[in-house]
Amino acid sequence: MRELVEYVLRGIVARPELVQVEEAQDDRGTVLRVRVAPEDVGKVIGRGGRMARALRTLVRAAGVRGGRVVLLEIEDGRPRPEAR
Protein backbone atom coordinates (compact mmCIF):
# COMPACT_ATOMS: atom_id res chain seq x y z
CA MET A 1 0.00 0.00 0.00
CA ARG A 2 2.79 2.40 0.96
CA GLU A 3 4.53 1.77 -2.36
CA LEU A 4 1.35 2.55 -4.30
CA VAL A 5 0.94 5.92 -2.57
CA GLU A 6 4.63 6.77 -3.09
CA TYR A 7 4.38 5.91 -6.79
CA VAL A 8 1.30 8.07 -7.34
CA LEU A 9 2.67 11.02 -5.37
CA ARG A 10 6.04 11.01 -7.11
CA GLY A 11 4.18 11.46 -10.39
CA ILE A 12 2.28 14.48 -9.06
CA VAL A 13 4.84 16.57 -7.19
CA ALA A 14 7.65 18.78 -8.48
CA ARG A 15 10.18 17.40 -5.95
CA PRO A 16 9.65 13.61 -5.92
CA GLU A 17 12.85 13.01 -3.94
CA LEU A 18 11.20 14.61 -0.90
CA VAL A 19 8.13 12.34 -0.85
CA GLN A 20 7.98 10.29 2.34
CA VAL A 21 5.24 7.86 3.29
CA GLU A 22 5.21 6.51 6.83
CA GLU A 23 2.97 3.60 7.77
CA ALA A 24 1.68 3.30 11.34
CA GLN A 25 -1.00 1.41 13.22
CA ASP A 26 -3.42 3.01 15.63
CA ASP A 27 -6.90 2.37 16.98
CA ARG A 28 -8.45 3.50 13.67
CA GLY A 29 -6.44 1.03 11.56
CA THR A 30 -3.44 1.57 9.29
CA VAL A 31 -2.48 5.21 8.86
CA LEU A 32 -0.32 6.37 5.97
CA ARG A 33 1.29 9.72 6.78
CA VAL A 34 2.46 11.51 3.66
CA ARG A 35 5.09 14.24 3.75
CA VAL A 36 5.99 16.34 0.72
CA ALA A 37 7.88 19.56 0.15
CA PRO A 38 5.95 22.62 1.36
CA GLU A 39 5.59 23.89 -2.20
CA ASP A 40 4.01 20.56 -3.28
CA VAL A 41 1.29 20.41 -0.62
CA GLY A 42 -1.13 22.31 -2.86
CA LYS A 43 -0.61 19.84 -5.69
CA VAL A 44 -1.25 16.89 -3.40
CA ILE A 45 -4.40 18.45 -1.94
CA GLY A 46 -5.61 19.76 -5.28
CA ARG A 47 -8.24 22.34 -6.12
CA GLY A 48 -10.98 22.14 -3.56
CA GLY A 49 -9.36 19.03 -2.07
CA ARG A 50 -10.15 16.87 -5.10
CA MET A 51 -6.74 15.23 -5.36
CA ALA A 52 -6.63 14.47 -1.63
CA ARG A 53 -10.13 12.99 -1.84
CA ALA A 54 -9.13 10.84 -4.82
CA LEU A 55 -5.98 9.60 -3.04
CA ARG A 56 -8.00 8.75 0.07
CA THR A 57 -10.57 6.89 -2.02
CA LEU A 58 -7.81 4.90 -3.73
CA VAL A 59 -6.20 3.99 -0.41
CA ARG A 60 -9.51 3.10 1.22
CA ALA A 61 -10.54 0.89 -1.72
CA ALA A 62 -7.20 -0.92 -1.73
CA GLY A 63 -7.53 -1.41 2.03
CA VAL A 64 -11.03 -2.85 1.74
CA ARG A 65 -9.79 -5.24 -0.89
CA GLY A 66 -7.13 -6.38 1.59
CA GLY A 67 -9.65 -6.57 4.43
CA ARG A 68 -8.32 -3.66 6.48
CA VAL A 69 -9.00 0.00 7.22
CA VAL A 70 -6.41 2.37 5.75
CA LEU A 71 -6.39 6.14 6.26
CA LEU A 72 -4.28 8.81 4.55
CA GLU A 73 -2.94 11.91 6.29
CA ILE A 74 -1.17 14.63 4.31
CA GLU A 75 1.56 16.75 5.92
CA ASP A 76 4.09 19.15 4.50
CA GLY A 77 7.82 18.69 4.98
CA ARG A 78 8.16 21.33 7.70
CA PRO A 79 9.21 20.11 11.14
CA ARG A 80 6.38 19.73 13.62
CA PRO A 81 6.27 22.14 16.56
CA GLU A 82 7.09 20.54 19.88
CA ALA A 83 4.12 19.59 22.05
CA ARG A 84 3.97 21.53 25.30
C-alpha atoms as a PDB file:
ATOM      1  CA  MET A   1       0.000   0.000   0.000  1.00  0.00           C
ATOM      2  CA  ARG A   2       2.787   2.403   0.957  1.00  0.00           C
ATOM      3  CA  GLU A   3       4.526   1.772  -2.360  1.00  0.00           C
ATOM      4  CA  LEU A   4       1.346   2.552  -4.302  1.00  0.00           C
ATOM      5  CA  VAL A   5       0.939   5.916  -2.573  1.00  0.00           C
ATOM      6  CA  GLU A   6       4.628   6.771  -3.093  1.00  0.00           C
ATOM      7  CA  TYR A   7       4.385   5.914  -6.786  1.00  0.00           C
ATOM      8  CA  VAL A   8       1.300   8.068  -7.345  1.00  0.00           C
ATOM      9  CA  LEU A   9       2.667  11.018  -5.369  1.00  0.00           C
ATOM     10  CA  ARG A  10       6.043  11.009  -7.110  1.00  0.00           C
ATOM     11  CA  GLY A  11       4.179  11.456 -10.390  1.00  0.00           C
ATOM     12  CA  ILE A  12       2.277  14.476  -9.057  1.00  0.00           C
ATOM     13  CA  VAL A  13       4.845  16.565  -7.195  1.00  0.00           C
ATOM     14  CA  ALA A  14       7.653  18.777  -8.477  1.00  0.00           C
ATOM     15  CA  ARG A  15      10.179  17.398  -5.953  1.00  0.00           C
ATOM     16  CA  PRO A  16       9.653  13.614  -5.916  1.00  0.00           C
ATOM     17  CA  GLU A  17      12.853  13.009  -3.944  1.00  0.00           C
ATOM     18  CA  LEU A  18      11.199  14.609  -0.896  1.00  0.00           C
ATOM     19  CA  VAL A  19       8.132  12.343  -0.854  1.00  0.00           C
ATOM     20  CA  GLN A  20       7.981  10.291   2.337  1.00  0.00           C
ATOM     21  CA  VAL A  21       5.240   7.862   3.293  1.00  0.00           C
ATOM     22  CA  GLU A  22       5.215   6.511   6.829  1.00  0.00           C
ATOM     23  CA  GLU A  23       2.967   3.603   7.768  1.00  0.00           C
ATOM     24  CA  ALA A  24       1.679   3.300  11.336  1.00  0.00           C
ATOM     25  CA  GLN A  25      -1.004   1.406  13.217  1.00  0.00           C
ATOM     26  CA  ASP A  26      -3.421   3.009  15.628  1.00  0.00           C
ATOM     27  CA  ASP A  27      -6.903   2.368  16.977  1.00  0.00           C
ATOM     28  CA  ARG A  28      -8.449   3.503  13.669  1.00  0.00           C
ATOM     29  CA  GLY A  29      -6.438   1.034  11.555  1.00  0.00           C
ATOM     30  CA  THR A  30      -3.444   1.570   9.288  1.00  0.00           C
ATOM     31  CA  VAL A  31      -2.483   5.215   8.857  1.00  0.00           C
ATOM     32  CA  LEU A  32      -0.315   6.366   5.968  1.00  0.00           C
ATOM     33  CA  ARG A  33       1.294   9.724   6.776  1.00  0.00           C
ATOM     34  CA  VAL A  34       2.461  11.512   3.659  1.00  0.00           C
ATOM     35  CA  ARG A  35       5.095  14.240   3.754  1.00  0.00           C
ATOM     36  CA  VAL A  36       5.985  16.339   0.724  1.00  0.00           C
ATOM     37  CA  ALA A  37       7.882  19.563   0.145  1.00  0.00           C
ATOM     38  CA  PRO A  38       5.946  22.623   1.362  1.00  0.00           C
ATOM     39  CA  GLU A  39       5.587  23.895  -2.203  1.00  0.00           C
ATOM     40  CA  ASP A  40       4.009  20.561  -3.281  1.00  0.00           C
ATOM     41  CA  VAL A  41       1.290  20.408  -0.623  1.00  0.00           C
ATOM     42  CA  GLY A  42      -1.129  22.313  -2.862  1.00  0.00           C
ATOM     43  CA  LYS A  43      -0.615  19.840  -5.692  1.00  0.00           C
ATOM     44  CA  VAL A  44      -1.247  16.888  -3.399  1.00  0.00           C
ATOM     45  CA  ILE A  45      -4.396  18.453  -1.939  1.00  0.00           C
ATOM     46  CA  GLY A  46      -5.612  19.765  -5.277  1.00  0.00           C
ATOM     47  CA  ARG A  47      -8.236  22.339  -6.123  1.00  0.00           C
ATOM     48  CA  GLY A  48     -10.980  22.135  -3.560  1.00  0.00           C
ATOM     49  CA  GLY A  49      -9.362  19.034  -2.073  1.00  0.00           C
ATOM     50  CA  ARG A  50     -10.147  16.873  -5.100  1.00  0.00           C
ATOM     51  CA  MET A  51      -6.737  15.228  -5.359  1.00  0.00           C
ATOM     52  CA  ALA A  52      -6.629  14.467  -1.631  1.00  0.00           C
ATOM     53  CA  ARG A  53     -10.131  12.990  -1.840  1.00  0.00           C
ATOM     54  CA  ALA A  54      -9.129  10.844  -4.822  1.00  0.00           C
ATOM     55  CA  LEU A  55      -5.985   9.599  -3.038  1.00  0.00           C
ATOM     56  CA  ARG A  56      -8.003   8.750   0.073  1.00  0.00           C
ATOM     57  CA  THR A  57     -10.571   6.894  -2.021  1.00  0.00           C
ATOM     58  CA  LEU A  58      -7.806   4.899  -3.731  1.00  0.00           C
ATOM     59  CA  VAL A  59      -6.198   3.986  -0.414  1.00  0.00           C
ATOM     60  CA  ARG A  60      -9.510   3.101   1.216  1.00  0.00           C
ATOM     61  CA  ALA A  61     -10.539   0.889  -1.721  1.00  0.00           C
ATOM     62  CA  ALA A  62      -7.200  -0.920  -1.729  1.00  0.00           C
ATOM     63  CA  GLY A  63      -7.529  -1.411   2.027  1.00  0.00           C
ATOM     64  CA  VAL A  64     -11.029  -2.847   1.741  1.00  0.00           C
ATOM     65  CA  ARG A  65      -9.794  -5.244  -0.887  1.00  0.00           C
ATOM     66  CA  GLY A  66      -7.134  -6.385   1.590  1.00  0.00           C
ATOM     67  CA  GLY A  67      -9.648  -6.572   4.432  1.00  0.00           C
ATOM     68  CA  ARG A  68      -8.316  -3.659   6.483  1.00  0.00           C
ATOM     69  CA  VAL A  69      -8.997  -0.003   7.217  1.00  0.00           C
ATOM     70  CA  VAL A  70      -6.411   2.372   5.747  1.00  0.00           C
ATOM     71  CA  LEU A  71      -6.393   6.140   6.257  1.00  0.00           C
ATOM     72  CA  LEU A  72      -4.282   8.808   4.546  1.00  0.00           C
ATOM     73  CA  GLU A  73      -2.936  11.913   6.295  1.00  0.00           C
ATOM     74  CA  ILE A  74      -1.166  14.630   4.308  1.00  0.00           C
ATOM     75  CA  GLU A  75       1.557  16.746   5.921  1.00  0.00           C
ATOM     76  CA  ASP A  76       4.087  19.146   4.498  1.00  0.00           C
ATOM     77  CA  GLY A  77       7.824  18.687   4.982  1.00  0.00           C
ATOM     78  CA  ARG A  78       8.160  21.327   7.700  1.00  0.00           C
ATOM     79  CA  PRO A  79       9.212  20.107  11.145  1.00  0.00           C
ATOM     80  CA  ARG A  80       6.378  19.734  13.616  1.00  0.00           C
ATOM     81  CA  PRO A  81       6.267  22.140  16.564  1.00  0.00           C
ATOM     82  CA  GLU A  82       7.092  20.539  19.881  1.00  0.00           C
ATOM     83  CA  ALA A  83       4.119  19.587  22.052  1.00  0.00           C
ATOM     84  CA  ARG A  84       3.969  21.530  25.297  1.00  0.00           C
END
